[in-house]
Protein backbone atom coordinates (compact mmCIF):
# COMPACT_ATOMS: atom_id res chain seq x y z
CA UNK A 1 9.56 -43.87 -1.91
CA UNK A 2 12.59 -43.62 -4.09
CA UNK A 3 15.92 -43.97 -1.95
CA UNK A 4 17.14 -40.71 -2.88
CA UNK A 5 14.24 -39.12 -1.31
CA UNK A 6 14.64 -40.95 2.01
CA UNK A 7 17.13 -40.23 4.49
CA UNK A 8 17.69 -42.87 7.51
CA UNK A 9 19.04 -41.37 10.73
CA UNK A 10 19.50 -43.78 13.42
CA UNK A 11 16.56 -45.88 12.56
CA UNK A 12 14.36 -42.81 11.62
CA UNK A 13 13.26 -42.32 8.24
CA UNK A 14 12.81 -38.68 7.10
CA UNK A 15 11.08 -38.12 3.43
CA UNK A 16 12.32 -35.54 1.62
CA UNK A 17 10.10 -34.01 -1.27
CA UNK A 18 10.96 -31.35 -3.25
CA UNK A 19 9.01 -27.96 -3.46
CA UNK A 20 7.19 -27.62 -6.62
CA UNK A 21 6.09 -24.07 -7.76
CA UNK A 22 2.77 -23.60 -8.51
CA UNK A 23 1.22 -23.92 -11.97
CA UNK A 24 0.62 -20.43 -13.88
CA UNK A 25 -3.05 -21.52 -13.51
CA UNK A 26 -2.81 -21.94 -9.93
CA UNK A 27 -1.33 -18.00 -9.40
CA UNK A 28 -3.16 -15.29 -8.01
CA UNK A 29 -4.46 -12.50 -10.10
CA UNK A 30 -2.82 -9.19 -9.90
CA UNK A 31 -4.72 -6.28 -8.07
CA UNK A 32 -5.05 -2.99 -9.77
CA UNK A 33 -2.53 -1.59 -7.29
CA UNK A 34 0.23 -4.35 -8.43
CA UNK A 35 -0.75 -3.34 -12.09
CA UNK A 36 -0.11 0.28 -11.55
CA UNK A 37 3.14 -0.40 -9.74
CA UNK A 38 4.37 -2.63 -12.62
CA UNK A 39 2.90 0.22 -15.13
CA UNK A 40 5.04 2.75 -12.97
CA UNK A 41 8.05 0.60 -13.09
CA UNK A 42 7.96 0.28 -16.72
CA UNK A 43 7.36 3.89 -17.67
CA UNK A 44 10.32 4.53 -15.52
CA UNK A 45 12.52 2.10 -17.24
CA UNK A 46 11.27 3.08 -20.87
CA UNK A 47 12.08 6.54 -20.00
CA UNK A 48 15.76 5.80 -18.87
CA UNK A 49 16.09 3.39 -22.12
CA UNK A 50 14.81 6.44 -24.58
CA UNK A 51 17.17 8.56 -23.29
CA UNK A 52 20.58 6.16 -23.39
CA UNK A 53 22.87 7.17 -25.93
CA UNK A 54 24.53 4.63 -28.06
CA UNK A 55 22.54 1.88 -26.54
CA UNK A 56 23.00 -1.32 -28.46
CA UNK A 57 21.38 -4.63 -29.17
CA UNK A 58 23.32 -7.48 -31.04
CA UNK A 59 26.11 -4.85 -32.28
CA UNK A 60 23.61 -2.84 -34.02
CA UNK A 61 22.24 0.81 -32.35
CA UNK A 62 18.74 -0.36 -30.73
CA UNK A 63 15.79 0.84 -32.87
CA UNK A 64 12.52 2.27 -30.89
CA UNK A 65 10.95 -1.34 -31.98
CA UNK A 66 13.83 -3.18 -30.37
CA UNK A 67 13.60 -1.21 -27.29
CA UNK A 68 9.75 -1.87 -26.93
CA UNK A 69 10.13 -5.54 -27.54
CA UNK A 70 12.77 -5.41 -24.82
CA UNK A 71 10.23 -3.85 -22.31
CA UNK A 72 7.14 -5.93 -23.38
CA UNK A 73 9.23 -8.92 -22.30
CA UNK A 74 10.27 -7.16 -19.26
CA UNK A 75 6.74 -6.52 -18.45
CA UNK A 76 5.89 -9.98 -18.92
CA UNK A 77 8.62 -11.32 -16.70
CA UNK A 78 7.71 -8.79 -14.00
CA UNK A 79 4.09 -9.87 -13.90
CA UNK A 80 4.98 -13.43 -13.70
CA UNK A 81 7.42 -12.58 -10.96
CA UNK A 82 4.72 -10.62 -8.81
CA UNK A 83 2.26 -13.68 -9.26
CA UNK A 84 4.90 -16.07 -8.03
CA UNK A 85 5.65 -14.03 -5.03
CA UNK A 86 2.20 -13.33 -4.41
CA UNK A 87 1.49 -17.14 -4.24
CA UNK A 88 4.86 -18.03 -2.32
CA UNK A 89 5.06 -15.21 0.52
CA UNK A 90 1.47 -14.11 1.24
CA UNK A 91 0.34 -15.82 4.55
CA UNK A 92 -2.56 -18.52 4.46
CA UNK A 93 -4.91 -16.56 6.54
CA UNK A 94 -4.48 -13.94 3.89
CA UNK A 95 -5.08 -15.86 0.62
CA UNK A 96 -8.43 -15.88 -1.07
CA UNK A 97 -8.91 -19.50 -2.28
CA UNK A 98 -12.07 -19.98 -3.68
């Protein structure tokens, strides 16, 4: 073991290994409920962004295309966050690992 991952305390060696986040192919799939929740949040966000007056993007008024690209990026991020949270916070006894 690397010396940096080892702590010696009164003759007792304790190994410290950093936790690694699961790879994207190891993340659980989203359920239909999760997808509906993300869709509902994205619809609310889209309504708020479209009603916003003077919304600027890179110093210029935001076009509908730029707002849509922002929303698409946010949706991808929300899906990834939801999958990672499901992998991290779901108790092992409820995980459906095949």
